[in-house]
PDB file of N, CA and C in Angstrom:
ATOM      1  N   MET A   1     -27.177-130.147  15.895  1.00  0.00           N
ATOM      2  CA  MET A   1     -27.959-131.307  16.251  1.00  0.00           C
ATOM      3  C   MET A   1     -27.035-132.523  16.283  1.00  0.00           C
ATOM      4  N   GLY A   2     -27.114-133.282  17.373  1.00  0.00           N
ATOM      5  CA  GLY A   2     -26.278-134.467  17.523  1.00  0.00           C
ATOM      6  C   GLY A   2     -26.803-135.650  16.725  1.00  0.00           C
ATOM      7  N   THR A   3     -26.008-136.672  16.652  1.00  0.00           N
ATOM      8  CA  THR A   3     -26.358-137.862  15.878  1.00  0.00           C
ATOM      9  C   THR A   3     -27.632-138.514  16.395  1.00  0.00           C
ATOM     10  N   ALA A   4     -27.760-138.669  17.703  1.00  0.00           N
ATOM     11  CA  ALA A   4     -28.952-139.297  18.265  1.00  0.00           C
ATOM     12  C   ALA A   4     -30.204-138.505  17.902  1.00  0.00           C
ATOM     13  N   GLU A   5     -30.116-137.192  17.939  1.00  0.00           N
ATOM     14  CA  GLU A   5     -31.268-136.352  17.578  1.00  0.00           C
ATOM     15  C   GLU A   5     -31.613-136.514  16.091  1.00  0.00           C
ATOM     16  N   LYS A   6     -30.608-136.608  15.247  1.00  0.00           N
ATOM     17  CA  LYS A   6     -30.853-136.818  13.809  1.00  0.00           C
ATOM     18  C   LYS A   6     -31.551-138.158  13.574  1.00  0.00           C
ATOM     19  N   ILE A   7     -31.084-139.188  14.272  1.00  0.00           N
ATOM     20  CA  ILE A   7     -31.710-140.510  14.149  1.00  0.00           C
ATOM     21  C   ILE A   7     -33.157-140.430  14.621  1.00  0.00           C
ATOM     22  N   TYR A   8     -33.386-139.784  15.737  1.00  0.00           N
ATOM     23  CA  TYR A   8     -34.737-139.627  16.270  1.00  0.00           C
ATOM     24  C   TYR A   8     -35.652-138.942  15.251  1.00  0.00           C
ATOM     25  N   GLN A   9     -35.178-137.873  14.651  1.00  0.00           N
ATOM     26  CA  GLN A   9     -35.985-137.147  13.669  1.00  0.00           C
ATOM     27  C   GLN A   9     -36.340-138.031  12.471  1.00  0.00           C
ATOM     28  N   GLU A  10     -35.394-138.834  12.024  1.00  0.00           N
ATOM     29  CA  GLU A  10     -35.645-139.725  10.886  1.00  0.00           C
ATOM     30  C   GLU A  10     -36.642-140.827  11.246  1.00  0.00           C
ATOM     31  N   VAL A  11     -36.452-141.425  12.413  1.00  0.00           N
ATOM     32  CA  VAL A  11     -37.307-142.542  12.827  1.00  0.00           C
ATOM     33  C   VAL A  11     -38.745-142.080  13.058  1.00  0.00           C
ATOM     34  N   ARG A  12     -38.925-140.877  13.515  1.00  0.00           N
ATOM     35  CA  ARG A  12     -40.279-140.352  13.752  1.00  0.00           C
ATOM     36  C   ARG A  12     -41.132-140.378  12.498  1.00  0.00           C
ATOM     37  N   ARG A  13     -40.508-140.286  11.350  1.00  0.00           N
ATOM     38  CA  ARG A  13     -41.262-140.237  10.088  1.00  0.00           C
ATOM     39  C   ARG A  13     -41.611-141.626   9.557  1.00  0.00           C
ATOM     40  N   LEU A  14     -41.025-142.657  10.134  1.00  0.00           N
ATOM     41  CA  LEU A  14     -41.243-144.013   9.632  1.00  0.00           C
ATOM     42  C   LEU A  14     -42.559-144.602  10.140  1.00  0.00           C
ATOM     43  N   PRO A  15     -43.151-145.485   9.350  1.00  0.00           N
ATOM     44  CA  PRO A  15     -44.295-146.247   9.871  1.00  0.00           C
ATOM     45  C   PRO A  15     -43.828-147.117  11.039  1.00  0.00           C
ATOM     46  N   ASP A  16     -44.739-147.478  11.910  1.00  0.00           N
ATOM     47  CA  ASP A  16     -44.387-148.199  13.121  1.00  0.00           C
ATOM     48  C   ASP A  16     -43.612-149.493  12.839  1.00  0.00           C
ATOM     49  N   ALA A  17     -43.993-150.226  11.822  1.00  0.00           N
ATOM     50  CA  ALA A  17     -43.311-151.488  11.515  1.00  0.00           C
ATOM     51  C   ALA A  17     -41.835-151.248  11.170  1.00  0.00           C
ATOM     52  N   LEU A  18     -41.553-150.200  10.430  1.00  0.00           N
ATOM     53  CA  LEU A  18     -40.156-149.890  10.086  1.00  0.00           C
ATOM     54  C   LEU A  18     -39.398-149.346  11.293  1.00  0.00           C
ATOM     55  N   ALA A  19     -40.074-148.590  12.133  1.00  0.00           N
ATOM     56  CA  ALA A  19     -39.427-148.082  13.354  1.00  0.00           C
ATOM     57  C   ALA A  19     -39.019-149.253  14.250  1.00  0.00           C
ATOM     58  N   ARG A  20     -39.856-150.305  14.296  1.00  0.00           N
ATOM     59  CA  ARG A  20     -39.500-151.493  15.075  1.00  0.00           C
ATOM     60  C   ARG A  20     -38.264-152.170  14.503  1.00  0.00           C
ATOM     61  N   GLU A  21     -38.118-152.162  13.184  1.00  0.00           N
ATOM     62  CA  GLU A  21     -36.911-152.726  12.565  1.00  0.00           C
ATOM     63  C   GLU A  21     -35.671-151.943  12.986  1.00  0.00           C
ATOM     64  N   VAL A  22     -35.795-150.629  13.033  1.00  0.00           N
ATOM     65  CA  VAL A  22     -34.680-149.787  13.482  1.00  0.00           C
ATOM     66  C   VAL A  22     -34.338-150.132  14.927  1.00  0.00           C
ATOM     67  N   LEU A  23     -35.349-150.292  15.766  1.00  0.00           N
ATOM     68  CA  LEU A  23     -35.122-150.647  17.158  1.00  0.00           C
ATOM     69  C   LEU A  23     -34.441-152.007  17.278  1.00  0.00           C
ATOM     70  N   ASP A  24     -34.871-152.967  16.473  1.00  0.00           N
ATOM     71  CA  ASP A  24     -34.215-154.281  16.461  1.00  0.00           C
ATOM     72  C   ASP A  24     -32.752-154.158  16.051  1.00  0.00           C
ATOM     73  N   PHE A  25     -32.475-153.317  15.070  1.00  0.00           N
ATOM     74  CA  PHE A  25     -31.102-153.122  14.611  1.00  0.00           C
ATOM     75  C   PHE A  25     -30.238-152.498  15.702  1.00  0.00           C
ATOM     76  N   ILE A  26     -30.810-151.573  16.444  1.00  0.00           N
ATOM     77  CA  ILE A  26     -30.075-150.978  17.559  1.00  0.00           C
ATOM     78  C   ILE A  26     -29.722-152.059  18.577  1.00  0.00           C
ATOM     79  N   GLY A  27     -30.667-152.941  18.863  1.00  0.00           N
ATOM     80  CA  GLY A  27     -30.396-154.049  19.771  1.00  0.00           C
ATOM     81  C   GLY A  27     -29.293-154.946  19.253  1.00  0.00           C
ATOM     82  N   TYR A  28     -29.311-155.204  17.952  1.00  0.00           N
ATOM     83  CA  TYR A  28     -28.250-156.005  17.332  1.00  0.00           C
ATOM     84  C   TYR A  28     -26.890-155.336  17.516  1.00  0.00           C
ATOM     85  N   LEU A  29     -26.820-154.032  17.272  1.00  0.00           N
ATOM     86  CA  LEU A  29     -25.550-153.311  17.427  1.00  0.00           C
ATOM     87  C   LEU A  29     -25.072-153.328  18.877  1.00  0.00           C
ATOM     88  N   GLU A  30     -26.011-153.174  19.814  1.00  0.00           N
ATOM     89  CA  GLU A  30     -25.624-153.212  21.226  1.00  0.00           C
ATOM     90  C   GLU A  30     -25.044-154.572  21.592  1.00  0.00           C
ATOM     91  N   THR A  31     -25.679-155.633  21.103  1.00  0.00           N
ATOM     92  CA  THR A  31     -25.191-156.980  21.381  1.00  0.00           C
ATOM     93  C   THR A  31     -23.838-157.219  20.717  1.00  0.00           C
ATOM     94  N   LYS A  32     -23.714-156.822  19.471  1.00  0.00           N
ATOM     95  CA  LYS A  32     -22.478-157.018  18.708  1.00  0.00           C
ATOM     96  C   LYS A  32     -21.285-156.351  19.379  1.00  0.00           C
ATOM     97  N   HIS A  33     -21.514-155.185  19.954  1.00  0.00           N
ATOM     98  CA  HIS A  33     -20.424-154.410  20.540  1.00  0.00           C
ATOM     99  C   HIS A  33     -20.334-154.556  22.060  1.00  0.00           C
ATOM    100  N   GLY A  34     -21.050-155.535  22.610  1.00  0.00           N
ATOM    101  CA  GLY A  34     -20.956-155.811  24.039  1.00  0.00           C
ATOM    102  C   GLY A  34     -21.590-154.762  24.930  1.00  0.00           C
ATOM    103  N   LEU A  35     -22.542-154.014  24.406  1.00  0.00           N
ATOM    104  CA  LEU A  35     -23.196-152.973  25.192  1.00  0.00           C
ATOM    105  C   LEU A  35     -24.480-153.481  25.841  1.00  0.00           C
ATOM    106  N   ARG A  36     -24.852-154.718  25.535  1.00  0.00           N
ATOM    107  CA  ARG A  36     -26.089-155.292  26.048  1.00  0.00           C
ATOM    108  C   ARG A  36     -25.806-156.710  26.519  1.00  0.00           C
ATOM    109  N   ASP A  37     -26.314-157.036  27.701  1.00  0.00           N
ATOM    110  CA  ASP A  37     -26.178-158.385  28.241  1.00  0.00           C
ATOM    111  C   ASP A  37     -27.444-159.160  27.881  1.00  0.00           C
ATOM    112  N   VAL A  38     -27.408-159.860  26.771  1.00  0.00           N
ATOM    113  CA  VAL A  38     -28.579-160.559  26.244  1.00  0.00           C
ATOM    114  C   VAL A  38     -29.069-161.620  27.220  1.00  0.00           C
ATOM    115  N   GLN A  39     -28.163-162.342  27.846  1.00  0.00           N
ATOM    116  CA  GLN A  39     -28.582-163.391  28.770  1.00  0.00           C
ATOM    117  C   GLN A  39     -29.344-162.814  29.959  1.00  0.00           C
ATOM    118  N   ALA A  40     -28.881-161.710  30.499  1.00  0.00           N
ATOM    119  CA  ALA A  40     -29.574-161.084  31.626  1.00  0.00           C
ATOM    120  C   ALA A  40     -30.945-160.579  31.196  1.00  0.00           C
ATOM    121  N   GLU A  41     -31.039-159.998  30.011  1.00  0.00           N
ATOM    122  CA  GLU A  41     -32.328-159.512  29.519  1.00  0.00           C
ATOM    123  C   GLU A  41     -33.290-160.659  29.260  1.00  0.00           C
ATOM    124  N   ASP A  42     -32.779-161.769  28.734  1.00  0.00           N
ATOM    125  CA  ASP A  42     -33.621-162.939  28.512  1.00  0.00           C
ATOM    126  C   ASP A  42     -34.133-163.496  29.839  1.00  0.00           C
ATOM    127  N   LEU A  43     -33.271-163.509  30.843  1.00  0.00           N
ATOM    128  CA  LEU A  43     -33.665-163.989  32.162  1.00  0.00           C
ATOM    129  C   LEU A  43     -34.751-163.097  32.753  1.00  0.00           C
ATOM    130  N   LYS A  44     -34.587-161.784  32.646  1.00  0.00           N
ATOM    131  CA  LYS A  44     -35.612-160.859  33.146  1.00  0.00           C
ATOM    132  C   LYS A  44     -36.934-161.073  32.429  1.00  0.00           C
ATOM    133  N   ALA A  45     -36.884-161.240  31.116  1.00  0.00           N
ATOM    134  CA  ALA A  45     -38.101-161.448  30.335  1.00  0.00           C
ATOM    135  C   ALA A  45     -38.787-162.752  30.739  1.00  0.00           C
ATOM    136  N   ALA A  46     -38.011-163.778  31.050  1.00  0.00           N
ATOM    137  CA  ALA A  46     -38.578-165.060  31.466  1.00  0.00           C
ATOM    138  C   ALA A  46     -39.224-164.951  32.850  1.00  0.00           C
ATOM    139  N   GLN A  47     -38.653-164.134  33.734  1.00  0.00           N
ATOM    140  CA  GLN A  47     -39.177-163.976  35.082  1.00  0.00           C
ATOM    141  C   GLN A  47     -40.431-163.111  35.131  1.00  0.00           C
ATOM    142  N   GLU A  48     -40.550-162.187  34.217  1.00  0.00           N
ATOM    143  CA  GLU A  48     -41.582-161.159  34.287  1.00  0.00           C
ATOM    144  C   GLU A  48     -42.997-161.718  34.457  1.00  0.00           C
ATOM    145  N   PRO A  49     -43.460-162.683  33.667  1.00  0.00           N
ATOM    146  CA  PRO A  49     -44.834-163.156  33.859  1.00  0.00           C
ATOM    147  C   PRO A  49     -45.082-163.760  35.249  1.00  0.00           C
ATOM    148  N   ALA A  50     -44.124-164.499  35.767  1.00  0.00           N
ATOM    149  CA  ALA A  50     -44.289-165.129  37.075  1.00  0.00           C
ATOM    150  C   ALA A  50     -44.212-164.117  38.216  1.00  0.00           C
ATOM    151  N   MET A  51     -43.448-163.046  38.029  1.00  0.00           N
ATOM    152  CA  MET A  51     -43.231-162.080  39.092  1.00  0.00           C
ATOM    153  C   MET A  51     -44.155-160.861  39.016  1.00  0.00           C
ATOM    154  N   ARG A  52     -44.922-160.736  37.955  1.00  0.00           N
ATOM    155  CA  ARG A  52     -45.746-159.537  37.758  1.00  0.00           C
ATOM    156  C   ARG A  52     -46.637-159.255  38.962  1.00  0.00           C
ATOM    157  N   HIS A  53     -47.265-160.286  39.534  1.00  0.00           N
ATOM    158  CA  HIS A  53     -48.164-160.074  40.672  1.00  0.00           C
ATOM    159  C   HIS A  53     -47.418-159.578  41.908  1.00  0.00           C
ATOM    160  N   ILE A  54     -46.149-159.859  41.993  1.00  0.00           N
ATOM    161  CA  ILE A  54     -45.349-159.377  43.119  1.00  0.00           C
ATOM    162  C   ILE A  54     -44.873-157.953  42.852  1.00  0.00           C
ATOM    163  N   TRP A  55     -44.427-157.695  41.645  1.00  0.00           N
ATOM    164  CA  TRP A  55     -43.890-156.372  41.306  1.00  0.00           C
ATOM    165  C   TRP A  55     -44.982-155.316  41.202  1.00  0.00           C
ATOM    166  N   ASP A  56     -46.146-155.696  40.707  1.00  0.00           N
ATOM    167  CA  ASP A  56     -47.216-154.733  40.453  1.00  0.00           C
ATOM    168  C   ASP A  56     -48.348-154.931  41.455  1.00  0.00           C
ATOM    169  N   ASN A  57     -48.207-154.333  42.617  1.00  0.00           N
ATOM    170  CA  ASN A  57     -49.302-154.377  43.580  1.00  0.00           C
ATOM    171  C   ASN A  57     -49.340-153.060  44.337  1.00  0.00           C
ATOM    172  N   ARG A  58     -50.529-152.719  44.804  1.00  0.00           N
ATOM    173  CA  ARG A  58     -50.740-151.416  45.451  1.00  0.00           C
ATOM    174  C   ARG A  58     -49.948-151.278  46.740  1.00  0.00           C
ATOM    175  N   GLU A  59     -49.763-152.380  47.455  1.00  0.00           N
ATOM    176  CA  GLU A  59     -49.072-152.313  48.742  1.00  0.00           C
ATOM    177  C   GLU A  59     -47.620-151.870  48.593  1.00  0.00           C
ATOM    178  N   ASP A  60     -47.023-152.140  47.465  1.00  0.00           N
ATOM    179  CA  ASP A  60     -45.616-151.826  47.261  1.00  0.00           C
ATOM    180  C   ASP A  60     -45.391-150.617  46.350  1.00  0.00           C
ATOM    181  N   GLU A  61     -46.431-149.811  46.118  1.00  0.00           N
ATOM    182  CA  GLU A  61     -46.294-148.654  45.237  1.00  0.00           C
ATOM    183  C   GLU A  61     -45.209-147.683  45.718  1.00  0.00           C
ATOM    184  N   ILE A  62     -44.948-147.670  46.994  1.00  0.00           N
ATOM    185  CA  ILE A  62     -43.939-146.755  47.543  1.00  0.00           C
ATOM    186  C   ILE A  62     -42.569-147.006  46.914  1.00  0.00           C
ATOM    187  N   TRP A  63     -42.301-148.245  46.482  1.00  0.00           N
ATOM    188  CA  TRP A  63     -41.008-148.611  45.910  1.00  0.00           C
ATOM    189  C   TRP A  63     -40.921-148.292  44.430  1.00  0.00           C
ATOM    190  N   ASP A  64     -42.036-147.982  43.771  1.00  0.00           N
ATOM    191  CA  ASP A  64     -42.038-147.763  42.325  1.00  0.00           C
ATOM    192  C   ASP A  64     -41.161-146.605  41.879  1.00  0.00           C
ATOM    193  N   GLY A  65     -40.998-145.602  42.668  1.00  0.00           N
ATOM    194  CA  GLY A  65     -40.228-144.422  42.278  1.00  0.00           C
ATOM    195  C   GLY A  65     -38.744-144.541  42.543  1.00  0.00           C
ATOM    196  N   MET A  66     -38.312-145.664  43.058  1.00  0.00           N
ATOM    197  CA  MET A  66     -36.908-145.794  43.428  1.00  0.00           C
ATOM    198  C   MET A  66     -36.104-146.456  42.367  1.00  0.00           C
TER     199      MET A  66
END
């Protein structure tokens, strides 16, 4: 069993609030080691409410699988 699988098995047993802490810690490690572009993610999160009506519509469902 690989490390990721071991982590998964451990996290599955945690209450949801503690699992969220683990997820936050993973995000911290990704940022610390340059594996995550925080500014780009923040920009996407800021755009999401304004763009939701454009991204989520029946007319454009054909693009959802791409």
